[in-house]
Amino acid sequence: MLTHHISSIVSFLLLRSCDSFVPASLAGRKGISLFSQSDSESAPSPSPFEPNSHDELMYVLGINLARQIGDINPLVDNKSELSIVAQGLLDVVTGKLSEEEQAMILKTRGKDLSTMITSRAEKLRKNMEETGATLLDEMGATEGATTLASGVVVHPLEAGPEGFGSGMRPTTASSVQIHYHGTLSDGTTFDSSLDGEPAKFALNQVIPGLKEALQKMHEGETAMIGIAPNMGYANEGSPDGRIPGGATLFFKVVLIKVLTAGIGGGPTLLGADGTPMKGGESSGSNFLLGPDGKPL
């Protein structure tokens, strides 16, 4: 039996859904677009079968099953090995091997299989760590980027309404509203809010690296954030397996609003009810409240 740690890595390699992993440009090199590219509706179907036929439907079933298995290339070293893996899949699906024969083969070589998967998963983890560290160093060396004491890199890209380095910013007690797009060092997207509503959360609910970086951002600002494994999911990876152990994380974040406990920023005029005044509103001769909450 594989350990829980190895199972998480293998689950990431074998069971991830392709719908959750859309290739993106390399984080830290060219940045990540906040806007997804729509598929061309005019592109011809790549199916080798007649459109809308029963054969095409069965072909689509095969594609769907393959997508559920996910990318197995990290577990094979060459095309020859991949061809043999495909033969094993086909022999089981077509019933060439009985349940008893399958069980016998797995019992005979199961330990060897576990050893091989562990070795190759560890190799993949080390490669990912090295690539992530290199990209993080390059990101930190980019003009305008700041490397914090923890190793987290924050690179402001677009200023908020009050300019770079100015405006409301979160504290450890804050809740925020953001749009974000997160990738691994190979450009694989592991999470994004771009297809839905902005995310709202308290800073104490997120990984240490993101919590620390957001406190360096100001309301309305867009920034790239690079987070080393020790400030992310460490060697264990995320519980759902989408982020493997040792992964460096890259986020492009728009800090839309500091919802609570923010500091800094220009003065905010309050009405008699304690809510921020909008332009053109007035309450008597001025808009300011005294310590008792009443207009001055």
C-alpha atoms as a PDB file:
ATOM      1  CA  MET A   1       0.000   0.000   0.000  1.00  0.00           C
ATOM      2  CA  LEU A   2       1.209   3.504  -0.777  1.00  0.00           C
ATOM      3  CA  THR A   3       1.495   6.021   2.015  1.00  0.00           C
ATOM      4  CA  HIS A   4      -1.007   8.899   2.208  1.00  0.00           C
ATOM      5  CA  HIS A   5       1.662  11.293   0.981  1.00  0.00           C
ATOM      6  CA  ILE A   6       2.418   9.253  -2.122  1.00  0.00           C
ATOM      7  CA  SER A   7      -1.269   8.611  -2.723  1.00  0.00           C
ATOM      8  CA  SER A   8      -1.827  12.366  -2.844  1.00  0.00           C
ATOM      9  CA  ILE A   9       0.906  12.763  -5.463  1.00  0.00           C
ATOM     10  CA  VAL A  10      -0.386   9.842  -7.513  1.00  0.00           C
ATOM     11  CA  SER A  11      -3.943  11.140  -7.273  1.00  0.00           C
ATOM     12  CA  PHE A  12      -2.687  14.450  -8.635  1.00  0.00           C
ATOM     13  CA  LEU A  13      -0.988  12.669 -11.530  1.00  0.00           C
ATOM     14  CA  LEU A  14      -3.737  10.204 -12.398  1.00  0.00           C
ATOM     15  CA  LEU A  15      -7.098  11.529 -11.289  1.00  0.00           C
ATOM     16  CA  ARG A  16      -7.073  15.255 -11.940  1.00  0.00           C
ATOM     17  CA  SER A  17      -9.826  16.469 -14.255  1.00  0.00           C
ATOM     18  CA  CYS A  18      -8.657  18.193 -17.406  1.00  0.00           C
ATOM     19  CA  ASP A  19     -11.431  20.769 -16.958  1.00  0.00           C
ATOM     20  CA  SER A  20      -9.589  22.089 -13.882  1.00  0.00           C
ATOM     21  CA  PHE A  21      -6.209  22.353 -15.547  1.00  0.00           C
ATOM     22  CA  VAL A  22      -6.120  24.855 -18.400  1.00  0.00           C
ATOM     23  CA  PRO A  23      -2.627  25.677 -19.713  1.00  0.00           C
ATOM     24  CA  ALA A  24      -1.494  29.267 -19.125  1.00  0.00           C
ATOM     25  CA  SER A  25       1.643  31.255 -19.896  1.00  0.00           C
ATOM     26  CA  LEU A  26       4.546  30.600 -17.561  1.00  0.00           C
ATOM     27  CA  ALA A  27       3.981  32.478 -14.338  1.00  0.00           C
ATOM     28  CA  GLY A  28       6.858  34.742 -13.376  1.00  0.00           C
ATOM     29  CA  ARG A  29       8.071  35.041 -16.963  1.00  0.00           C
ATOM     30  CA  LYS A  30       5.308  36.611 -19.023  1.00  0.00           C
ATOM     31  CA  GLY A  31       2.592  37.048 -16.401  1.00  0.00           C
ATOM     32  CA  ILE A  32      -0.874  35.553 -16.481  1.00  0.00           C
ATOM     33  CA  SER A  33      -3.804  37.053 -18.324  1.00  0.00           C
ATOM     34  CA  LEU A  34      -6.901  37.664 -16.226  1.00  0.00           C
ATOM     35  CA  PHE A  35      -9.044  37.080 -19.272  1.00  0.00           C
ATOM     36  CA  SER A  36      -9.694  33.585 -20.583  1.00  0.00           C
ATOM     37  CA  GLN A  37      -9.592  32.976 -24.309  1.00  0.00           C
ATOM     38  CA  SER A  38     -12.799  31.604 -25.791  1.00  0.00           C
ATOM     39  CA  ASP A  39     -12.636  28.580 -28.058  1.00  0.00           C
ATOM     40  CA  SER A  40     -13.200  29.196 -31.718  1.00  0.00           C
ATOM     41  CA  GLU A  41     -16.786  28.265 -32.584  1.00  0.00           C
ATOM     42  CA  SER A  42     -15.945  27.972 -36.262  1.00  0.00           C
ATOM     43  CA  ALA A  43     -13.175  25.386 -35.846  1.00  0.00           C
ATOM     44  CA  PRO A  44     -13.960  22.034 -37.499  1.00  0.00           C
ATOM     45  CA  SER A  45     -14.555  19.017 -35.255  1.00  0.00           C
ATOM     46  CA  PRO A  46     -11.426  16.857 -34.800  1.00  0.00           C
ATOM     47  CA  SER A  47     -13.567  13.716 -34.597  1.00  0.00           C
ATOM     48  CA  PRO A  48     -12.671  11.107 -37.280  1.00  0.00           C
ATOM     49  CA  PHE A  49     -16.315  10.005 -37.415  1.00  0.00           C
ATOM     50  CA  GLU A  50     -19.370  11.425 -39.147  1.00  0.00           C
ATOM     51  CA  PRO A  51     -20.813  14.348 -37.170  1.00  0.00           C
ATOM     52  CA  ASN A  52     -23.793  13.465 -34.956  1.00  0.00           C
ATOM     53  CA  SER A  53     -23.406   9.746 -35.715  1.00  0.00           C
ATOM     54  CA  HIS A  54     -23.575   6.937 -33.136  1.00  0.00           C
ATOM     55  CA  ASP A  55     -19.913   6.134 -33.793  1.00  0.00           C
ATOM     56  CA  GLU A  56     -18.956   9.693 -32.962  1.00  0.00           C
ATOM     57  CA  LEU A  57     -20.944   9.448 -29.718  1.00  0.00           C
ATOM     58  CA  MET A  58     -18.983   6.334 -28.723  1.00  0.00           C
ATOM     59  CA  TYR A  59     -15.781   8.134 -29.630  1.00  0.00           C
ATOM     60  CA  VAL A  60     -16.795  10.983 -27.334  1.00  0.00           C
ATOM     61  CA  LEU A  61     -17.408   8.430 -24.564  1.00  0.00           C
ATOM     62  CA  GLY A  62     -13.815   7.249 -24.960  1.00  0.00           C
ATOM     63  CA  ILE A  63     -12.539  10.822 -24.820  1.00  0.00           C
ATOM     64  CA  ASN A  64     -14.533  11.456 -21.666  1.00  0.00           C
ATOM     65  CA  LEU A  65     -13.151   8.342 -19.960  1.00  0.00           C
ATOM     66  CA  ALA A  66      -9.593   9.310 -20.923  1.00  0.00           C
ATOM     67  CA  ARG A  67     -10.129  12.800 -19.490  1.00  0.00           C
ATOM     68  CA  GLN A  68     -11.268  11.276 -16.201  1.00  0.00           C
ATOM     69  CA  ILE A  69      -8.026   9.299 -16.014  1.00  0.00           C
ATOM     70  CA  GLY A  70      -6.042  12.450 -16.728  1.00  0.00           C
ATOM     71  CA  ASP A  71      -2.481  12.957 -17.949  1.00  0.00           C
ATOM     72  CA  ILE A  72      -0.374   9.851 -17.289  1.00  0.00           C
ATOM     73  CA  ASN A  73       2.684  11.162 -19.130  1.00  0.00           C
ATOM     74  CA  PRO A  74       4.470  12.093 -15.864  1.00  0.00           C
ATOM     75  CA  LEU A  75       4.494   8.387 -14.963  1.00  0.00           C
ATOM     76  CA  VAL A  76       6.074   7.169 -18.207  1.00  0.00           C
ATOM     77  CA  ASP A  77       9.527   7.881 -19.585  1.00  0.00           C
ATOM     78  CA  ASN A  78       8.934   7.372 -23.303  1.00  0.00           C
ATOM     79  CA  LYS A  79       6.387   6.557 -26.007  1.00  0.00           C
ATOM     80  CA  SER A  80       7.148   2.849 -25.786  1.00  0.00           C
ATOM     81  CA  GLU A  81       6.110   2.763 -22.118  1.00  0.00           C
ATOM     82  CA  LEU A  82       3.011   4.829 -22.903  1.00  0.00           C
ATOM     83  CA  SER A  83       2.027   2.339 -25.613  1.00  0.00           C
ATOM     84  CA  ILE A  84       2.284  -0.556 -23.147  1.00  0.00           C
ATOM     85  CA  VAL A  85       0.204   1.348 -20.565  1.00  0.00           C
ATOM     86  CA  ALA A  86      -2.440   1.907 -23.258  1.00  0.00           C
ATOM     87  CA  GLN A  87      -2.410  -1.834 -24.008  1.00  0.00           C
ATOM     88  CA  GLY A  88      -3.077  -2.603 -20.335  1.00  0.00           C
ATOM     89  CA  LEU A  89      -6.019  -0.181 -20.303  1.00  0.00           C
ATOM     90  CA  LEU A  90      -7.427  -1.654 -23.514  1.00  0.00           C
ATOM     91  CA  ASP A  91      -7.071  -5.274 -22.325  1.00  0.00           C
ATOM     92  CA  VAL A  92      -9.081  -4.503 -19.184  1.00  0.00           C
ATOM     93  CA  VAL A  93     -11.753  -2.441 -20.983  1.00  0.00           C
ATOM     94  CA  THR A  94     -12.278  -5.044 -23.712  1.00  0.00           C
ATOM     95  CA  GLY A  95     -12.384  -7.941 -21.229  1.00  0.00           C
ATOM     96  CA  LYS A  96      -9.268  -9.645 -22.563  1.00  0.00           C
ATOM     97  CA  LEU A  97      -8.172 -10.048 -18.951  1.00  0.00           C
ATOM     98  CA  SER A  98     -10.607 -11.579 -16.468  1.00  0.00           C
ATOM     99  CA  GLU A  99     -11.040 -10.211 -12.948  1.00  0.00           C
ATOM    100  CA  GLU A 100      -8.992 -13.141 -11.624  1.00  0.00           C
ATOM    101  CA  GLU A 101      -6.173 -12.530 -14.102  1.00  0.00           C
ATOM    102  CA  GLN A 102      -6.111  -8.826 -13.280  1.00  0.00           C
ATOM    103  CA  ALA A 103      -5.933  -9.578  -9.545  1.00  0.00           C
ATOM    104  CA  MET A 104      -3.133 -12.112 -10.074  1.00  0.00           C
ATOM    105  CA  ILE A 105      -0.988  -9.681 -12.070  1.00  0.00           C
ATOM    106  CA  LEU A 106      -1.537  -6.882  -9.558  1.00  0.00           C
ATOM    107  CA  LYS A 107      -0.687  -9.172  -6.646  1.00  0.00           C
ATOM    108  CA  THR A 108       2.499 -10.324  -8.361  1.00  0.00           C
ATOM    109  CA  ARG A 109       3.790  -6.886  -9.416  1.00  0.00           C
ATOM    110  CA  GLY A 110       1.857  -4.544  -7.106  1.00  0.00           C
ATOM    111  CA  LYS A 111       4.830  -3.875  -4.826  1.00  0.00           C
ATOM    112  CA  ASP A 112       7.080  -3.138  -7.800  1.00  0.00           C
ATOM    113  CA  LEU A 113       4.427  -0.803  -9.212  1.00  0.00           C
ATOM    114  CA  SER A 114       4.217   1.107  -5.924  1.00  0.00           C
ATOM    115  CA  THR A 115       7.991   1.484  -5.830  1.00  0.00           C
ATOM    116  CA  MET A 116       8.109   2.777  -9.398  1.00  0.00           C
ATOM    117  CA  ILE A 117       5.271   5.270  -8.862  1.00  0.00           C
ATOM    118  CA  THR A 118       6.883   6.526  -5.663  1.00  0.00           C
ATOM    119  CA  SER A 119      10.218   7.031  -7.407  1.00  0.00           C
ATOM    120  CA  ARG A 120       8.796   8.821 -10.412  1.00  0.00           C
ATOM    121  CA  ALA A 121       6.463  10.963  -8.312  1.00  0.00           C
ATOM    122  CA  GLU A 122       9.419  12.025  -6.168  1.00  0.00           C
ATOM    123  CA  LYS A 123      11.401  12.877  -9.296  1.00  0.00           C
ATOM    124  CA  LEU A 124       8.504  14.991 -10.545  1.00  0.00           C
ATOM    125  CA  ARG A 125       8.271  16.767  -7.183  1.00  0.00           C
ATOM    126  CA  LYS A 126      11.976  17.636  -7.206  1.00  0.00           C
ATOM    127  CA  ASN A 127      11.806  18.936 -10.772  1.00  0.00           C
ATOM    128  CA  MET A 128       8.797  21.058  -9.853  1.00  0.00           C
ATOM    129  CA  GLU A 129      10.601  22.467  -6.810  1.00  0.00           C
ATOM    130  CA  GLU A 130      13.664  23.398  -8.880  1.00  0.00           C
ATOM    131  CA  THR A 131      11.618  25.016 -11.640  1.00  0.00           C
ATOM    132  CA  GLY A 132       9.501  26.914  -9.132  1.00  0.00           C
ATOM    133  CA  ALA A 133      12.561  28.213  -7.257  1.00  0.00           C
ATOM    134  CA  THR A 134      14.122  29.432 -10.512  1.00  0.00           C
ATOM    135  CA  LEU A 135      10.972  31.259 -11.593  1.00  0.00           C
ATOM    136  CA  LEU A 136      10.567  32.791  -8.141  1.00  0.00           C
ATOM    137  CA  ASP A 137      14.157  34.116  -8.269  1.00  0.00           C
ATOM    138  CA  GLU A 138      13.541  35.586 -11.724  1.00  0.00           C
ATOM    139  CA  MET A 139      10.316  37.174 -10.539  1.00  0.00           C
ATOM    140  CA  GLY A 140      12.083  38.690  -7.519  1.00  0.00           C
ATOM    141  CA  ALA A 141      14.727  40.201  -9.791  1.00  0.00           C
ATOM    142  CA  THR A 142      12.103  41.932 -11.938  1.00  0.00           C
ATOM    143  CA  GLU A 143      12.042  45.717 -11.647  1.00  0.00           C
ATOM    144  CA  GLY A 144       9.343  46.803  -9.210  1.00  0.00           C
ATOM    145  CA  ALA A 145       9.074  43.436  -7.468  1.00  0.00           C
ATOM    146  CA  THR A 146       9.661  43.056  -3.720  1.00  0.00           C
ATOM    147  CA  THR A 147      10.878  39.892  -2.016  1.00  0.00           C
ATOM    148  CA  LEU A 148       9.622  39.708   1.563  1.00  0.00           C
ATOM    149  CA  ALA A 149      11.612  38.183   4.423  1.00  0.00           C
ATOM    150  CA  SER A 150       9.593  34.972   4.071  1.00  0.00           C
ATOM    151  CA  GLY A 151      10.595  34.634   0.406  1.00  0.00           C
ATOM    152  CA  VAL A 152       7.162  35.655  -0.901  1.00  0.00           C
ATOM    153  CA  VAL A 153       7.476  37.898  -3.981  1.00  0.00           C
ATOM    154  CA  VAL A 154       5.000  40.697  -4.703  1.00  0.00           C
ATOM    155  CA  HIS A 155       5.148  42.485  -8.047  1.00  0.00           C
ATOM    156  CA  PRO A 156       2.601  45.326  -8.420  1.00  0.00           C
ATOM    157  CA  LEU A 157       1.340  45.586 -11.995  1.00  0.00           C
ATOM    158  CA  GLU A 158      -1.448  48.153 -11.924  1.00  0.00           C
ATOM    159  CA  ALA A 159      -2.042  50.838  -9.323  1.00  0.00           C
ATOM    160  CA  GLY A 160      -5.267  51.440  -7.465  1.00  0.00           C
ATOM    161  CA  PRO A 161      -7.178  54.744  -7.676  1.00  0.00           C
ATOM    162  CA  GLU A 162      -4.788  56.464  -5.229  1.00  0.00           C
ATOM    163  CA  GLY A 163      -1.620  55.379  -7.060  1.00  0.00           C
ATOM    164  CA  PHE A 164       1.093  52.825  -6.308  1.00  0.00           C
ATOM    165  CA  GLY A 165       1.778  52.425  -2.602  1.00  0.00           C
ATOM    166  CA  SER A 166      -1.298  54.399  -1.551  1.00  0.00           C
ATOM    167  CA  GLY A 167      -4.821  53.564  -0.519  1.00  0.00           C
ATOM    168  CA  MET A 168      -6.535  51.180   1.854  1.00  0.00           C
ATOM    169  CA  ARG A 169      -4.705  47.920   2.539  1.00  0.00           C
ATOM    170  CA  PRO A 170      -5.682  44.816   4.532  1.00  0.00           C
ATOM    171  CA  THR A 171      -4.473  43.715   7.950  1.00  0.00           C
ATOM    172  CA  THR A 172      -4.372  40.244   9.465  1.00  0.00           C
ATOM    173  CA  ALA A 173      -7.888  40.915  10.793  1.00  0.00           C
ATOM    174  CA  SER A 174      -9.275  41.947   7.392  1.00  0.00           C
ATOM    175  CA  SER A 175     -11.729  40.354   5.040  1.00  0.00           C
ATOM    176  CA  VAL A 176     -11.215  41.112   1.357  1.00  0.00           C
ATOM    177  CA  GLN A 177     -12.826  40.759  -2.053  1.00  0.00           C
ATOM    178  CA  ILE A 178     -10.480  39.731  -4.857  1.00  0.00           C
ATOM    179  CA  HIS A 179     -10.292  38.248  -8.320  1.00  0.00           C
ATOM    180  CA  TYR A 180      -7.433  35.786  -8.701  1.00  0.00           C
ATOM    181  CA  HIS A 181      -5.817  33.315 -11.080  1.00  0.00           C
ATOM    182  CA  GLY A 182      -3.427  30.704  -9.648  1.00  0.00           C
ATOM    183  CA  THR A 183      -0.931  28.545 -11.532  1.00  0.00           C
ATOM    184  CA  LEU A 184       1.895  26.131 -10.841  1.00  0.00           C
ATOM    185  CA  SER A 185       5.421  26.682 -12.163  1.00  0.00           C
ATOM    186  CA  ASP A 186       4.612  24.877 -15.420  1.00  0.00           C
ATOM    187  CA  GLY A 187       1.690  27.219 -16.129  1.00  0.00           C
ATOM    188  CA  THR A 188      -0.968  24.718 -15.019  1.00  0.00           C
ATOM    189  CA  THR A 189      -4.026  26.513 -13.636  1.00  0.00           C
ATOM    190  CA  PHE A 190      -5.036  25.057 -10.268  1.00  0.00           C
ATOM    191  CA  ASP A 191      -7.669  27.611  -9.271  1.00  0.00           C
ATOM    192  CA  SER A 192      -9.282  30.778 -10.595  1.00  0.00           C
ATOM    193  CA  SER A 193     -12.210  33.066  -9.832  1.00  0.00           C
ATOM    194  CA  LEU A 194     -12.360  34.453 -13.363  1.00  0.00           C
ATOM    195  CA  ASP A 195     -15.259  32.294 -14.491  1.00  0.00           C
ATOM    196  CA  GLY A 196     -17.450  33.421 -11.617  1.00  0.00           C
ATOM    197  CA  GLU A 197     -17.909  35.983  -8.891  1.00  0.00           C
ATOM    198  CA  PRO A 198     -14.977  37.550  -7.018  1.00  0.00           C
ATOM    199  CA  ALA A 199     -13.857  35.639  -3.942  1.00  0.00           C
ATOM    200  CA  LYS A 200     -14.579  37.002  -0.455  1.00  0.00           C
ATOM    201  CA  PHE A 201     -12.670  35.651   2.549  1.00  0.00           C
ATOM    202  CA  ALA A 202     -10.880  36.533   5.757  1.00  0.00           C
ATOM    203  CA  LEU A 203      -7.099  36.707   5.493  1.00  0.00           C
ATOM    204  CA  ASN A 204      -6.714  34.246   8.358  1.00  0.00           C
ATOM    205  CA  GLN A 205      -8.425  31.591   6.201  1.00  0.00           C
ATOM    206  CA  VAL A 206      -5.798  31.406   3.435  1.00  0.00           C
ATOM    207  CA  ILE A 207      -2.279  30.011   3.127  1.00  0.00           C
ATOM    208  CA  PRO A 208       0.467  32.066   4.853  1.00  0.00           C
ATOM    209  CA  GLY A 209       2.044  33.335   1.626  1.00  0.00           C
ATOM    210  CA  LEU A 210      -1.178  34.753   0.226  1.00  0.00           C
ATOM    211  CA  LYS A 211      -2.115  36.218   3.600  1.00  0.00           C
ATOM    212  CA  GLU A 212       1.235  38.006   3.823  1.00  0.00           C
ATOM    213  CA  ALA A 213       1.241  39.243   0.216  1.00  0.00           C
ATOM    214  CA  LEU A 214      -2.283  40.693   0.352  1.00  0.00           C
ATOM    215  CA  GLN A 215      -1.266  42.863   3.297  1.00  0.00           C
ATOM    216  CA  LYS A 216       1.277  44.517   0.985  1.00  0.00           C
ATOM    217  CA  MET A 217      -1.362  45.368  -1.633  1.00  0.00           C
ATOM    218  CA  HIS A 218      -3.633  48.403  -1.737  1.00  0.00           C
ATOM    219  CA  GLU A 219      -7.288  48.557  -2.684  1.00  0.00           C
ATOM    220  CA  GLY A 220      -7.800  48.519  -6.450  1.00  0.00           C
ATOM    221  CA  GLU A 221      -4.276  47.240  -7.116  1.00  0.00           C
ATOM    222  CA  THR A 222      -3.310  44.347  -9.408  1.00  0.00           C
ATOM    223  CA  ALA A 223      -0.182  42.326  -8.585  1.00  0.00           C
ATOM    224  CA  MET A 224       1.649  39.099  -9.302  1.00  0.00           C
ATOM    225  CA  ILE A 225       2.406  37.050  -6.199  1.00  0.00           C
ATOM    226  CA  GLY A 226       4.962  34.224  -5.999  1.00  0.00           C
ATOM    227  CA  ILE A 227       4.799  31.826  -3.058  1.00  0.00           C
ATOM    228  CA  ALA A 228       7.447  29.214  -2.225  1.00  0.00           C
ATOM    229  CA  PRO A 229       6.312  25.804  -0.898  1.00  0.00           C
ATOM    230  CA  ASN A 230       7.099  26.621   2.731  1.00  0.00           C
ATOM    231  CA  MET A 231       4.555  29.466   2.600  1.00  0.00           C
ATOM    232  CA  GLY A 232       2.030  27.438   0.620  1.00  0.00           C
ATOM    233  CA  TYR A 233       1.214  23.730   0.875  1.00  0.00           C
ATOM    234  CA  ALA A 234       4.740  22.583   1.825  1.00  0.00           C
ATOM    235  CA  ASN A 235       5.711  18.984   0.958  1.00  0.00           C
ATOM    236  CA  GLU A 236       2.244  17.584   1.618  1.00  0.00           C
ATOM    237  CA  GLY A 237       0.376  19.417  -1.134  1.00  0.00           C
ATOM    238  CA  SER A 238      -3.285  20.382  -0.966  1.00  0.00           C
ATOM    239  CA  PRO A 239      -5.739  17.844   0.530  1.00  0.00           C
ATOM    240  CA  ASP A 240      -7.639  17.537  -2.764  1.00  0.00           C
ATOM    241  CA  GLY A 241      -4.452  16.655  -4.671  1.00  0.00           C
ATOM    242  CA  ARG A 242      -4.718  19.543  -7.133  1.00  0.00           C
ATOM    243  CA  ILE A 243      -1.531  21.114  -5.782  1.00  0.00           C
ATOM    244  CA  PRO A 244       1.325  18.613  -5.389  1.00  0.00           C
ATOM    245  CA  GLY A 245       3.852  18.715  -2.575  1.00  0.00           C
ATOM    246  CA  GLY A 246       6.771  21.062  -3.169  1.00  0.00           C
ATOM    247  CA  ALA A 247       4.858  23.302  -5.576  1.00  0.00           C
ATOM    248  CA  THR A 248       5.667  26.987  -5.946  1.00  0.00           C
ATOM    249  CA  LEU A 249       2.459  28.956  -6.483  1.00  0.00           C
ATOM    250  CA  PHE A 250       1.927  32.006  -8.660  1.00  0.00           C
ATOM    251  CA  PHE A 251      -1.141  34.204  -8.367  1.00  0.00           C
ATOM    252  CA  LYS A 252      -2.327  37.193 -10.325  1.00  0.00           C
ATOM    253  CA  VAL A 253      -4.582  39.097  -7.948  1.00  0.00           C
ATOM    254  CA  VAL A 254      -6.856  42.118  -8.195  1.00  0.00           C
ATOM    255  CA  LEU A 255      -7.608  43.447  -4.710  1.00  0.00           C
ATOM    256  CA  ILE A 256     -11.072  44.767  -5.434  1.00  0.00           C
ATOM    257  CA  LYS A 257     -12.012  45.854  -1.942  1.00  0.00           C
ATOM    258  CA  VAL A 258     -10.890  45.679   1.677  1.00  0.00           C
ATOM    259  CA  LEU A 259     -14.151  44.725   3.342  1.00  0.00           C
ATOM    260  CA  THR A 260     -13.151  45.006   7.002  1.00  0.00           C
ATOM    261  CA  ALA A 261     -10.304  46.156   9.270  1.00  0.00           C
ATOM    262  CA  GLY A 262      -8.317  47.958   6.597  1.00  0.00           C
ATOM    263  CA  ILE A 263      -5.726  50.640   7.267  1.00  0.00           C
ATOM    264  CA  GLY A 264      -4.430  53.610   5.307  1.00  0.00           C
ATOM    265  CA  GLY A 265      -6.063  55.318   2.379  1.00  0.00           C
ATOM    266  CA  GLY A 266      -7.493  58.789   2.036  1.00  0.00           C
ATOM    267  CA  PRO A 267     -10.114  60.190   4.435  1.00  0.00           C
ATOM    268  CA  THR A 268     -13.638  58.823   4.055  1.00  0.00           C
ATOM    269  CA  LEU A 269     -16.556  61.176   4.667  1.00  0.00           C
ATOM    270  CA  LEU A 270     -19.366  59.642   6.715  1.00  0.00           C
ATOM    271  CA  GLY A 271     -23.030  60.531   6.830  1.00  0.00           C
ATOM    272  CA  ALA A 272     -25.151  60.890   9.965  1.00  0.00           C
ATOM    273  CA  ASP A 273     -25.910  57.147   9.855  1.00  0.00           C
ATOM    274  CA  GLY A 274     -22.212  56.264   9.880  1.00  0.00           C
ATOM    275  CA  THR A 275     -22.058  55.055   6.280  1.00  0.00           C
ATOM    276  CA  PRO A 276     -19.646  56.517   3.684  1.00  0.00           C
ATOM    277  CA  MET A 277     -21.005  59.578   1.884  1.00  0.00           C
ATOM    278  CA  LYS A 278     -21.377  59.512  -1.873  1.00  0.00           C
ATOM    279  CA  GLY A 279     -20.470  62.440  -4.051  1.00  0.00           C
ATOM    280  CA  GLY A 280     -23.042  65.232  -3.921  1.00  0.00           C
ATOM    281  CA  GLU A 281     -24.582  64.167  -0.615  1.00  0.00           C
ATOM    282  CA  SER A 282     -24.601  66.479   2.375  1.00  0.00           C
ATOM    283  CA  SER A 283     -25.740  66.516   5.954  1.00  0.00           C
ATOM    284  CA  GLY A 284     -25.991  70.036   7.298  1.00  0.00           C
ATOM    285  CA  SER A 285     -22.956  72.277   6.988  1.00  0.00           C
ATOM    286  CA  ASN A 286     -20.407  69.431   6.864  1.00  0.00           C
ATOM    287  CA  PHE A 287     -20.118  65.642   6.543  1.00  0.00           C
ATOM    288  CA  LEU A 288     -17.958  64.741   9.540  1.00  0.00           C
ATOM    289  CA  LEU A 289     -19.048  62.922  12.695  1.00  0.00           C
ATOM    290  CA  GLY A 290     -17.802  63.570  16.197  1.00  0.00           C
ATOM    291  CA  PRO A 291     -16.818  60.956  18.819  1.00  0.00           C
ATOM    292  CA  ASP A 292     -20.492  60.654  19.798  1.00  0.00           C
ATOM    293  CA  GLY A 293     -21.477  59.718  16.247  1.00  0.00           C
ATOM    294  CA  LYS A 294     -23.364  62.949  15.672  1.00  0.00           C
ATOM    295  CA  PRO A 295     -22.572  65.477  12.893  1.00  0.00           C
ATOM    296  CA  LEU A 296     -20.045  68.111  13.922  1.00  0.00           C
END
